[in-house]
Amino acid sequence: MKRIVAWAAVLLLAVAGCTVAVQGGLEEPTANEIVSRLEQAGVPARKQRDEGSDPARYSVSVPQAEAPRALTLLAALGLPRAEAHGFAQVYEQPSLIPTPTEERARFLRALSGELETTLNGVEGVVSSRVHIVPEERDPLAAPREPARVPARAAVLLRVRAEDVALSDDEVKSLIAGSVPGLVPSDVAIIRAATRPVPTGEPAWVALGPLRLAPGSRTTLLIGLGVGITLLAAMAVLLLLAARRLAAAERQGETGR
């Protein structure tokens, strides 16, 4: 029985060693997106919760043989995205005595973060950066006088060229509608197309009549080997038990 337990432990360690985590400490929506993208590209992936994480964080694991390709795919997709700091994050710890300049800078940073989060949620956008130059008015000027320095904005979008669902005019309207004094014509849009991400099925390997993913072949071989070993051990134990029972019966008959 001890040998059976030992072999079971070996099997668990071997199976655990066949996968490797390519990302960790992720929020669940990000982990789900990574798993979905890897699966679309033919890389088997699974999500699991990080032990002891509170709030919950997740890791994404792939077969060890697929790890290099998974990392390359994630880099091309810009995943996981850099976290944009909106109002909730920027104003989470307020300054004790903020100056007007500091308050203005924090507001612009938070506003840029909120706009980046919105743009990143659009299909086809890999990542975005928003830079805002607020308008400057003469404090002594009349309210209707034009600003001394008009508001401007620049947006950098890294996009997948094949499925961008947002036009430049729509981006300009979004940014201008969020920044006081900004008009769409003063918003500059720069798009950078990422390289196409290959999709398809993983390379298959043959194991007798079966065709398996490369990461599954080793696991299956180990499982078969351990299974055969366990069956052999059980057969030996049953044989020994049968012999002991037969010997006990013979001793009983002799005693009579």
C-alpha atoms as a PDB file:
ATOM      1  CA  MET A   1       0.000   0.000   0.000  1.00  0.00           C
ATOM      2  CA  LYS A   2       2.857   2.423   0.771  1.00  0.00           C
ATOM      3  CA  ARG A   3       4.249   1.834  -2.700  1.00  0.00           C
ATOM      4  CA  ILE A   4       0.881   2.656  -4.260  1.00  0.00           C
ATOM      5  CA  VAL A   5       0.707   5.947  -2.348  1.00  0.00           C
ATOM      6  CA  ALA A   6       4.262   6.764  -3.384  1.00  0.00           C
ATOM      7  CA  TRP A   7       3.513   6.142  -7.051  1.00  0.00           C
ATOM      8  CA  ALA A   8       0.400   8.302  -6.817  1.00  0.00           C
ATOM      9  CA  ALA A   9       2.509  11.140  -5.404  1.00  0.00           C
ATOM     10  CA  VAL A  10       4.993  10.738  -8.243  1.00  0.00           C
ATOM     11  CA  LEU A  11       2.128  10.953 -10.740  1.00  0.00           C
ATOM     12  CA  LEU A  12       0.815  14.169  -9.216  1.00  0.00           C
ATOM     13  CA  LEU A  13       4.264  15.776  -9.260  1.00  0.00           C
ATOM     14  CA  ALA A  14       4.849  14.719 -12.851  1.00  0.00           C
ATOM     15  CA  VAL A  15       1.515  16.082 -14.025  1.00  0.00           C
ATOM     16  CA  ALA A  16       2.087  19.360 -12.186  1.00  0.00           C
ATOM     17  CA  GLY A  17       5.466  19.696 -13.851  1.00  0.00           C
ATOM     18  CA  CYS A  18       3.982  19.410 -17.348  1.00  0.00           C
ATOM     19  CA  THR A  19       2.391  22.867 -17.150  1.00  0.00           C
ATOM     20  CA  VAL A  20       3.928  26.254 -16.474  1.00  0.00           C
ATOM     21  CA  ALA A  21       2.376  29.572 -15.481  1.00  0.00           C
ATOM     22  CA  VAL A  22       2.914  32.271 -18.106  1.00  0.00           C
ATOM     23  CA  GLN A  23       1.069  35.010 -16.187  1.00  0.00           C
ATOM     24  CA  GLY A  24       0.091  35.502 -12.558  1.00  0.00           C
ATOM     25  CA  GLY A  25      -1.528  37.981 -10.203  1.00  0.00           C
ATOM     26  CA  LEU A  26      -4.255  38.793 -12.735  1.00  0.00           C
ATOM     27  CA  GLU A  27      -7.778  40.039 -12.216  1.00  0.00           C
ATOM     28  CA  GLU A  28     -10.348  37.523 -13.423  1.00  0.00           C
ATOM     29  CA  PRO A  29     -11.497  39.431 -16.568  1.00  0.00           C
ATOM     30  CA  THR A  30      -7.870  39.777 -17.690  1.00  0.00           C
ATOM     31  CA  ALA A  31      -7.175  36.093 -17.012  1.00  0.00           C
ATOM     32  CA  ASN A  32     -10.295  35.117 -18.973  1.00  0.00           C
ATOM     33  CA  GLU A  33      -9.212  37.272 -21.924  1.00  0.00           C
ATOM     34  CA  ILE A  34      -5.729  35.728 -21.951  1.00  0.00           C
ATOM     35  CA  VAL A  35      -7.127  32.185 -21.846  1.00  0.00           C
ATOM     36  CA  SER A  36      -9.540  33.019 -24.670  1.00  0.00           C
ATOM     37  CA  ARG A  37      -6.833  34.546 -26.868  1.00  0.00           C
ATOM     38  CA  LEU A  38      -4.423  31.669 -26.325  1.00  0.00           C
ATOM     39  CA  GLU A  39      -7.113  29.100 -27.089  1.00  0.00           C
ATOM     40  CA  GLN A  40      -7.980  30.960 -30.307  1.00  0.00           C
ATOM     41  CA  ALA A  41      -4.321  30.736 -31.321  1.00  0.00           C
ATOM     42  CA  GLY A  42      -4.260  26.984 -30.650  1.00  0.00           C
ATOM     43  CA  VAL A  43      -2.461  27.084 -27.290  1.00  0.00           C
ATOM     44  CA  PRO A  44      -4.230  25.064 -24.554  1.00  0.00           C
ATOM     45  CA  ALA A  45      -4.551  27.270 -21.462  1.00  0.00           C
ATOM     46  CA  ARG A  46      -6.295  27.140 -18.116  1.00  0.00           C
ATOM     47  CA  LYS A  47      -7.021  29.638 -15.365  1.00  0.00           C
ATOM     48  CA  GLN A  48      -6.540  28.943 -11.683  1.00  0.00           C
ATOM     49  CA  ARG A  49      -6.869  31.098  -8.585  1.00  0.00           C
ATOM     50  CA  ASP A  50      -3.673  32.094  -6.807  1.00  0.00           C
ATOM     51  CA  GLU A  51      -3.570  30.542  -3.352  1.00  0.00           C
ATOM     52  CA  GLY A  52      -4.097  33.006  -0.525  1.00  0.00           C
ATOM     53  CA  SER A  53      -4.952  35.927  -2.817  1.00  0.00           C
ATOM     54  CA  ASP A  54      -7.424  38.438  -1.374  1.00  0.00           C
ATOM     55  CA  PRO A  55      -8.943  39.961  -3.395  1.00  0.00           C
ATOM     56  CA  ALA A  56      -8.891  37.044  -5.786  1.00  0.00           C
ATOM     57  CA  ARG A  57      -6.069  36.935  -8.318  1.00  0.00           C
ATOM     58  CA  TYR A  58      -5.507  34.345 -11.014  1.00  0.00           C
ATOM     59  CA  SER A  59      -2.713  32.655 -12.949  1.00  0.00           C
ATOM     60  CA  VAL A  60      -2.781  31.288 -16.487  1.00  0.00           C
ATOM     61  CA  SER A  61      -0.920  28.046 -17.222  1.00  0.00           C
ATOM     62  CA  VAL A  62      -0.074  26.330 -20.503  1.00  0.00           C
ATOM     63  CA  PRO A  63       1.698  23.067 -21.397  1.00  0.00           C
ATOM     64  CA  GLN A  64       5.423  23.478 -20.859  1.00  0.00           C
ATOM     65  CA  ALA A  65       6.177  22.843 -24.533  1.00  0.00           C
ATOM     66  CA  GLU A  66       3.805  25.672 -25.528  1.00  0.00           C
ATOM     67  CA  ALA A  67       5.187  28.281 -23.091  1.00  0.00           C
ATOM     68  CA  PRO A  68       7.531  30.068 -25.572  1.00  0.00           C
ATOM     69  CA  ARG A  69       4.762  30.397 -28.152  1.00  0.00           C
ATOM     70  CA  ALA A  70       2.291  31.574 -25.511  1.00  0.00           C
ATOM     71  CA  LEU A  71       4.651  34.308 -24.315  1.00  0.00           C
ATOM     72  CA  THR A  72       5.256  35.449 -27.899  1.00  0.00           C
ATOM     73  CA  LEU A  73       1.522  35.594 -28.565  1.00  0.00           C
ATOM     74  CA  LEU A  74       0.826  37.568 -25.397  1.00  0.00           C
ATOM     75  CA  ALA A  75       3.554  40.070 -26.262  1.00  0.00           C
ATOM     76  CA  ALA A  76       2.065  40.542 -29.737  1.00  0.00           C
ATOM     77  CA  LEU A  77      -1.403  41.004 -28.252  1.00  0.00           C
ATOM     78  CA  GLY A  78      -0.216  43.440 -25.595  1.00  0.00           C
ATOM     79  CA  LEU A  79      -1.560  41.239 -22.814  1.00  0.00           C
ATOM     80  CA  PRO A  80      -1.903  41.740 -19.975  1.00  0.00           C
ATOM     81  CA  ARG A  81      -2.616  45.422 -20.502  1.00  0.00           C
ATOM     82  CA  ALA A  82      -0.986  47.986 -18.240  1.00  0.00           C
ATOM     83  CA  GLU A  83      -3.499  49.050 -15.610  1.00  0.00           C
ATOM     84  CA  ALA A  84      -4.863  52.546 -16.239  1.00  0.00           C
ATOM     85  CA  HIS A  85      -5.297  54.677 -13.111  1.00  0.00           C
ATOM     86  CA  GLY A  86      -8.654  56.442 -13.120  1.00  0.00           C
ATOM     87  CA  PHE A  87     -10.280  58.667 -10.510  1.00  0.00           C
ATOM     88  CA  ALA A  88     -10.731  55.827  -8.012  1.00  0.00           C
ATOM     89  CA  GLN A  89      -7.019  55.006  -8.001  1.00  0.00           C
ATOM     90  CA  VAL A  90      -5.619  58.545  -8.267  1.00  0.00           C
ATOM     91  CA  TYR A  91      -7.804  59.934  -5.477  1.00  0.00           C
ATOM     92  CA  GLU A  92      -7.631  56.829  -3.291  1.00  0.00           C
ATOM     93  CA  GLN A  93      -5.119  58.543  -0.982  1.00  0.00           C
ATOM     94  CA  PRO A  94      -5.784  62.289  -0.995  1.00  0.00           C
ATOM     95  CA  SER A  95      -2.967  64.705  -0.349  1.00  0.00           C
ATOM     96  CA  LEU A  96      -3.049  66.517   2.993  1.00  0.00           C
ATOM     97  CA  ILE A  97      -2.604  70.021   1.590  1.00  0.00           C
ATOM     98  CA  PRO A  98      -2.784  69.797  -2.218  1.00  0.00           C
ATOM     99  CA  THR A  99      -1.733  72.816  -4.245  1.00  0.00           C
ATOM    100  CA  PRO A 100      -3.854  73.947  -7.201  1.00  0.00           C
ATOM    101  CA  THR A 101      -1.150  72.706  -9.567  1.00  0.00           C
ATOM    102  CA  GLU A 102      -1.088  69.284  -7.881  1.00  0.00           C
ATOM    103  CA  GLU A 103      -4.864  68.989  -7.969  1.00  0.00           C
ATOM    104  CA  ARG A 104      -4.899  69.891 -11.645  1.00  0.00           C
ATOM    105  CA  ALA A 105      -2.215  67.320 -12.469  1.00  0.00           C
ATOM    106  CA  ARG A 106      -4.016  64.595 -10.530  1.00  0.00           C
ATOM    107  CA  PHE A 107      -7.294  65.396 -12.265  1.00  0.00           C
ATOM    108  CA  LEU A 108      -5.693  65.204 -15.714  1.00  0.00           C
ATOM    109  CA  ARG A 109      -3.982  61.926 -14.846  1.00  0.00           C
ATOM    110  CA  ALA A 110      -7.239  60.424 -13.612  1.00  0.00           C
ATOM    111  CA  LEU A 111      -9.171  61.677 -16.640  1.00  0.00           C
ATOM    112  CA  SER A 112      -6.568  60.236 -19.008  1.00  0.00           C
ATOM    113  CA  GLY A 113      -6.762  56.904 -17.174  1.00  0.00           C
ATOM    114  CA  GLU A 114     -10.549  56.760 -17.470  1.00  0.00           C
ATOM    115  CA  LEU A 115     -10.376  57.477 -21.205  1.00  0.00           C
ATOM    116  CA  GLU A 116      -7.668  54.835 -21.684  1.00  0.00           C
ATOM    117  CA  THR A 117      -9.815  52.263 -19.880  1.00  0.00           C
ATOM    118  CA  THR A 118     -12.735  53.095 -22.175  1.00  0.00           C
ATOM    119  CA  LEU A 119     -10.618  52.811 -25.319  1.00  0.00           C
ATOM    120  CA  ASN A 120      -8.997  49.560 -24.169  1.00  0.00           C
ATOM    121  CA  GLY A 121     -12.446  47.997 -23.911  1.00  0.00           C
ATOM    122  CA  VAL A 122     -13.128  48.516 -27.621  1.00  0.00           C
ATOM    123  CA  GLU A 123     -12.735  45.455 -29.848  1.00  0.00           C
ATOM    124  CA  GLY A 124      -9.495  45.632 -31.800  1.00  0.00           C
ATOM    125  CA  VAL A 125      -7.678  48.035 -29.457  1.00  0.00           C
ATOM    126  CA  VAL A 126      -4.603  46.417 -27.915  1.00  0.00           C
ATOM    127  CA  SER A 127      -3.590  49.397 -25.768  1.00  0.00           C
ATOM    128  CA  SER A 128      -3.994  53.155 -25.648  1.00  0.00           C
ATOM    129  CA  ARG A 129      -2.398  56.273 -24.190  1.00  0.00           C
ATOM    130  CA  VAL A 130      -4.164  59.611 -23.858  1.00  0.00           C
ATOM    131  CA  HIS A 131      -2.289  62.882 -23.293  1.00  0.00           C
ATOM    132  CA  ILE A 132      -4.309  65.981 -22.450  1.00  0.00           C
ATOM    133  CA  VAL A 133      -3.160  69.605 -22.553  1.00  0.00           C
ATOM    134  CA  PRO A 134      -5.834  71.646 -20.732  1.00  0.00           C
ATOM    135  CA  GLU A 135      -6.848  75.094 -21.818  1.00  0.00           C
ATOM    136  CA  GLU A 136      -5.309  78.075 -20.063  1.00  0.00           C
ATOM    137  CA  ARG A 137      -7.355  81.192 -19.489  1.00  0.00           C
ATOM    138  CA  ASP A 138      -6.373  84.633 -18.330  1.00  0.00           C
ATOM    139  CA  PRO A 139      -7.907  84.972 -14.859  1.00  0.00           C
ATOM    140  CA  LEU A 140      -8.668  88.634 -15.589  1.00  0.00           C
ATOM    141  CA  ALA A 141     -10.318  87.964 -18.969  1.00  0.00           C
ATOM    142  CA  ALA A 142     -14.068  87.965 -19.530  1.00  0.00           C
ATOM    143  CA  PRO A 143     -15.756  84.529 -19.470  1.00  0.00           C
ATOM    144  CA  ARG A 144     -16.555  84.609 -23.192  1.00  0.00           C
ATOM    145  CA  GLU A 145     -13.085  85.568 -24.328  1.00  0.00           C
ATOM    146  CA  PRO A 146     -11.141  82.765 -26.034  1.00  0.00           C
ATOM    147  CA  ALA A 147      -8.647  80.803 -23.981  1.00  0.00           C
ATOM    148  CA  ARG A 148      -5.074  82.014 -23.994  1.00  0.00           C
ATOM    149  CA  VAL A 149      -3.975  78.430 -24.743  1.00  0.00           C
ATOM    150  CA  PRO A 150      -6.683  76.186 -26.242  1.00  0.00           C
ATOM    151  CA  ALA A 151      -7.123  72.630 -25.010  1.00  0.00           C
ATOM    152  CA  ARG A 152      -5.481  69.885 -27.031  1.00  0.00           C
ATOM    153  CA  ALA A 153      -5.143  66.116 -26.808  1.00  0.00           C
ATOM    154  CA  ALA A 154      -3.123  63.352 -28.415  1.00  0.00           C
ATOM    155  CA  VAL A 155      -4.127  59.687 -28.512  1.00  0.00           C
ATOM    156  CA  LEU A 156      -1.862  56.751 -29.327  1.00  0.00           C
ATOM    157  CA  LEU A 157      -3.695  53.552 -30.232  1.00  0.00           C
ATOM    158  CA  ARG A 158      -2.053  50.170 -30.697  1.00  0.00           C
ATOM    159  CA  VAL A 159      -4.603  48.246 -32.721  1.00  0.00           C
ATOM    160  CA  ARG A 160      -5.102  44.972 -34.514  1.00  0.00           C
ATOM    161  CA  ALA A 161      -5.468  46.060 -38.102  1.00  0.00           C
ATOM    162  CA  GLU A 162      -7.924  43.332 -39.027  1.00  0.00           C
ATOM    163  CA  ASP A 163     -10.753  44.128 -36.606  1.00  0.00           C
ATOM    164  CA  VAL A 164     -10.666  47.711 -35.318  1.00  0.00           C
ATOM    165  CA  ALA A 165     -14.207  48.765 -34.449  1.00  0.00           C
ATOM    166  CA  LEU A 166     -13.542  52.478 -33.850  1.00  0.00           C
ATOM    167  CA  SER A 167     -12.948  55.277 -36.363  1.00  0.00           C
ATOM    168  CA  ASP A 168     -10.762  58.337 -35.816  1.00  0.00           C
ATOM    169  CA  ASP A 169     -13.815  60.609 -35.772  1.00  0.00           C
ATOM    170  CA  GLU A 170     -15.401  58.493 -33.044  1.00  0.00           C
ATOM    171  CA  VAL A 171     -12.233  58.651 -30.958  1.00  0.00           C
ATOM    172  CA  LYS A 172     -12.056  62.429 -31.384  1.00  0.00           C
ATOM    173  CA  SER A 173     -15.691  62.812 -30.331  1.00  0.00           C
ATOM    174  CA  LEU A 174     -15.094  60.654 -27.256  1.00  0.00           C
ATOM    175  CA  ILE A 175     -12.033  62.619 -26.137  1.00  0.00           C
ATOM    176  CA  ALA A 176     -13.479  66.058 -26.930  1.00  0.00           C
ATOM    177  CA  GLY A 177     -16.692  65.243 -25.090  1.00  0.00           C
ATOM    178  CA  SER A 178     -14.718  64.434 -21.938  1.00  0.00           C
ATOM    179  CA  VAL A 179     -12.323  67.403 -21.761  1.00  0.00           C
ATOM    180  CA  PRO A 180     -13.605  70.939 -21.035  1.00  0.00           C
ATOM    181  CA  GLY A 181     -12.968  73.367 -23.869  1.00  0.00           C
ATOM    182  CA  LEU A 182     -11.674  70.715 -26.277  1.00  0.00           C
ATOM    183  CA  VAL A 183     -13.002  70.434 -29.824  1.00  0.00           C
ATOM    184  CA  PRO A 184     -12.589  67.328 -32.023  1.00  0.00           C
ATOM    185  CA  SER A 185     -10.357  69.144 -34.514  1.00  0.00           C
ATOM    186  CA  ASP A 186      -7.740  69.656 -31.777  1.00  0.00           C
ATOM    187  CA  VAL A 187      -7.441  65.934 -31.036  1.00  0.00           C
ATOM    188  CA  ALA A 188      -4.577  64.127 -32.776  1.00  0.00           C
ATOM    189  CA  ILE A 189      -4.920  60.373 -33.362  1.00  0.00           C
ATOM    190  CA  ILE A 190      -1.958  58.105 -34.037  1.00  0.00           C
ATOM    191  CA  ARG A 191      -2.558  54.434 -34.800  1.00  0.00           C
ATOM    192  CA  ALA A 192       0.107  51.752 -34.639  1.00  0.00           C
ATOM    193  CA  ALA A 193      -0.925  48.394 -36.065  1.00  0.00           C
ATOM    194  CA  THR A 194       0.412  45.319 -34.297  1.00  0.00           C
ATOM    195  CA  ARG A 195       1.648  42.290 -36.175  1.00  0.00           C
ATOM    196  CA  PRO A 196      -1.069  39.762 -37.021  1.00  0.00           C
ATOM    197  CA  VAL A 197      -1.358  37.011 -34.438  1.00  0.00           C
ATOM    198  CA  PRO A 198      -1.301  33.536 -35.996  1.00  0.00           C
ATOM    199  CA  THR A 199      -4.242  31.351 -35.152  1.00  0.00           C
ATOM    200  CA  GLY A 200      -4.778  27.653 -35.575  1.00  0.00           C
ATOM    201  CA  GLU A 201      -4.463  24.318 -33.922  1.00  0.00           C
ATOM    202  CA  PRO A 202      -1.344  23.158 -32.075  1.00  0.00           C
ATOM    203  CA  ALA A 203       0.980  20.683 -33.722  1.00  0.00           C
ATOM    204  CA  TRP A 204      -0.182  17.125 -32.991  1.00  0.00           C
ATOM    205  CA  VAL A 205       1.987  14.150 -32.189  1.00  0.00           C
ATOM    206  CA  ALA A 206       1.134  10.494 -32.673  1.00  0.00           C
ATOM    207  CA  LEU A 207       0.939   7.968 -29.851  1.00  0.00           C
ATOM    208  CA  GLY A 208      -0.139   4.679 -31.376  1.00  0.00           C
ATOM    209  CA  PRO A 209      -3.591   5.222 -32.893  1.00  0.00           C
ATOM    210  CA  LEU A 210      -4.035   8.473 -30.941  1.00  0.00           C
ATOM    211  CA  ARG A 211      -3.121  12.043 -31.934  1.00  0.00           C
ATOM    212  CA  LEU A 212      -2.347  14.329 -29.012  1.00  0.00           C
ATOM    213  CA  ALA A 213      -1.185  17.848 -28.282  1.00  0.00           C
ATOM    214  CA  PRO A 214       2.547  17.898 -27.455  1.00  0.00           C
ATOM    215  CA  GLY A 215       1.924  18.852 -23.833  1.00  0.00           C
ATOM    216  CA  SER A 216      -0.501  15.960 -23.351  1.00  0.00           C
ATOM    217  CA  ARG A 217       1.712  13.176 -24.707  1.00  0.00           C
ATOM    218  CA  THR A 218       4.099  13.086 -21.751  1.00  0.00           C
ATOM    219  CA  THR A 219       1.242  13.309 -19.259  1.00  0.00           C
ATOM    220  CA  LEU A 220      -0.583  10.426 -20.921  1.00  0.00           C
ATOM    221  CA  LEU A 221       2.543   8.261 -21.027  1.00  0.00           C
ATOM    222  CA  ILE A 222       3.210   8.905 -17.355  1.00  0.00           C
ATOM    223  CA  GLY A 223      -0.417   8.193 -16.510  1.00  0.00           C
ATOM    224  CA  LEU A 224      -0.386   4.941 -18.466  1.00  0.00           C
ATOM    225  CA  GLY A 225       2.867   3.868 -16.857  1.00  0.00           C
ATOM    226  CA  VAL A 226       1.664   4.620 -13.354  1.00  0.00           C
ATOM    227  CA  GLY A 227      -1.690   2.983 -14.070  1.00  0.00           C
ATOM    228  CA  ILE A 228      -0.010  -0.209 -15.265  1.00  0.00           C
ATOM    229  CA  THR A 229       2.245  -0.169 -12.207  1.00  0.00           C
ATOM    230  CA  LEU A 230      -0.711   0.254  -9.866  1.00  0.00           C
ATOM    231  CA  LEU A 231      -2.583  -2.591 -11.558  1.00  0.00           C
ATOM    232  CA  ALA A 232       0.477  -4.818 -11.245  1.00  0.00           C
ATOM    233  CA  ALA A 233       0.831  -3.919  -7.566  1.00  0.00           C
ATOM    234  CA  MET A 234      -2.827  -4.693  -6.943  1.00  0.00           C
ATOM    235  CA  ALA A 235      -2.462  -8.025  -8.744  1.00  0.00           C
ATOM    236  CA  VAL A 236       0.523  -8.922  -6.542  1.00  0.00           C
ATOM    237  CA  LEU A 237      -1.392  -7.960  -3.399  1.00  0.00           C
ATOM    238  CA  LEU A 238      -4.381 -10.045  -4.466  1.00  0.00           C
ATOM    239  CA  LEU A 239      -2.113 -12.992  -5.230  1.00  0.00           C
ATOM    240  CA  LEU A 240      -0.445 -12.746  -1.821  1.00  0.00           C
ATOM    241  CA  ALA A 241      -3.817 -12.480  -0.106  1.00  0.00           C
ATOM    242  CA  ALA A 242      -5.069 -15.551  -1.986  1.00  0.00           C
ATOM    243  CA  ARG A 243      -1.990 -17.535  -0.957  1.00  0.00           C
ATOM    244  CA  ARG A 244      -2.386 -16.542   2.687  1.00  0.00           C
ATOM    245  CA  LEU A 245      -6.046 -17.512   2.609  1.00  0.00           C
ATOM    246  CA  ALA A 246      -5.224 -20.873   1.053  1.00  0.00           C
ATOM    247  CA  ALA A 247      -2.502 -21.479   3.645  1.00  0.00           C
ATOM    248  CA  ALA A 248      -4.888 -20.611   6.456  1.00  0.00           C
ATOM    249  CA  GLU A 249      -7.470 -23.040   5.102  1.00  0.00           C
ATOM    250  CA  ARG A 250      -4.883 -25.819   4.904  1.00  0.00           C
ATOM    251  CA  GLN A 251      -3.788 -25.197   8.489  1.00  0.00           C
ATOM    252  CA  GLY A 252      -7.395 -25.344   9.596  1.00  0.00           C
ATOM    253  CA  GLU A 253      -7.924 -28.681   7.898  1.00  0.00           C
ATOM    254  CA  THR A 254      -4.702 -30.062   9.448  1.00  0.00           C
ATOM    255  CA  GLY A 255      -5.803 -28.986  12.916  1.00  0.00           C
ATOM    256  CA  ARG A 256      -8.963 -31.016  12.574  1.00  0.00           C
END
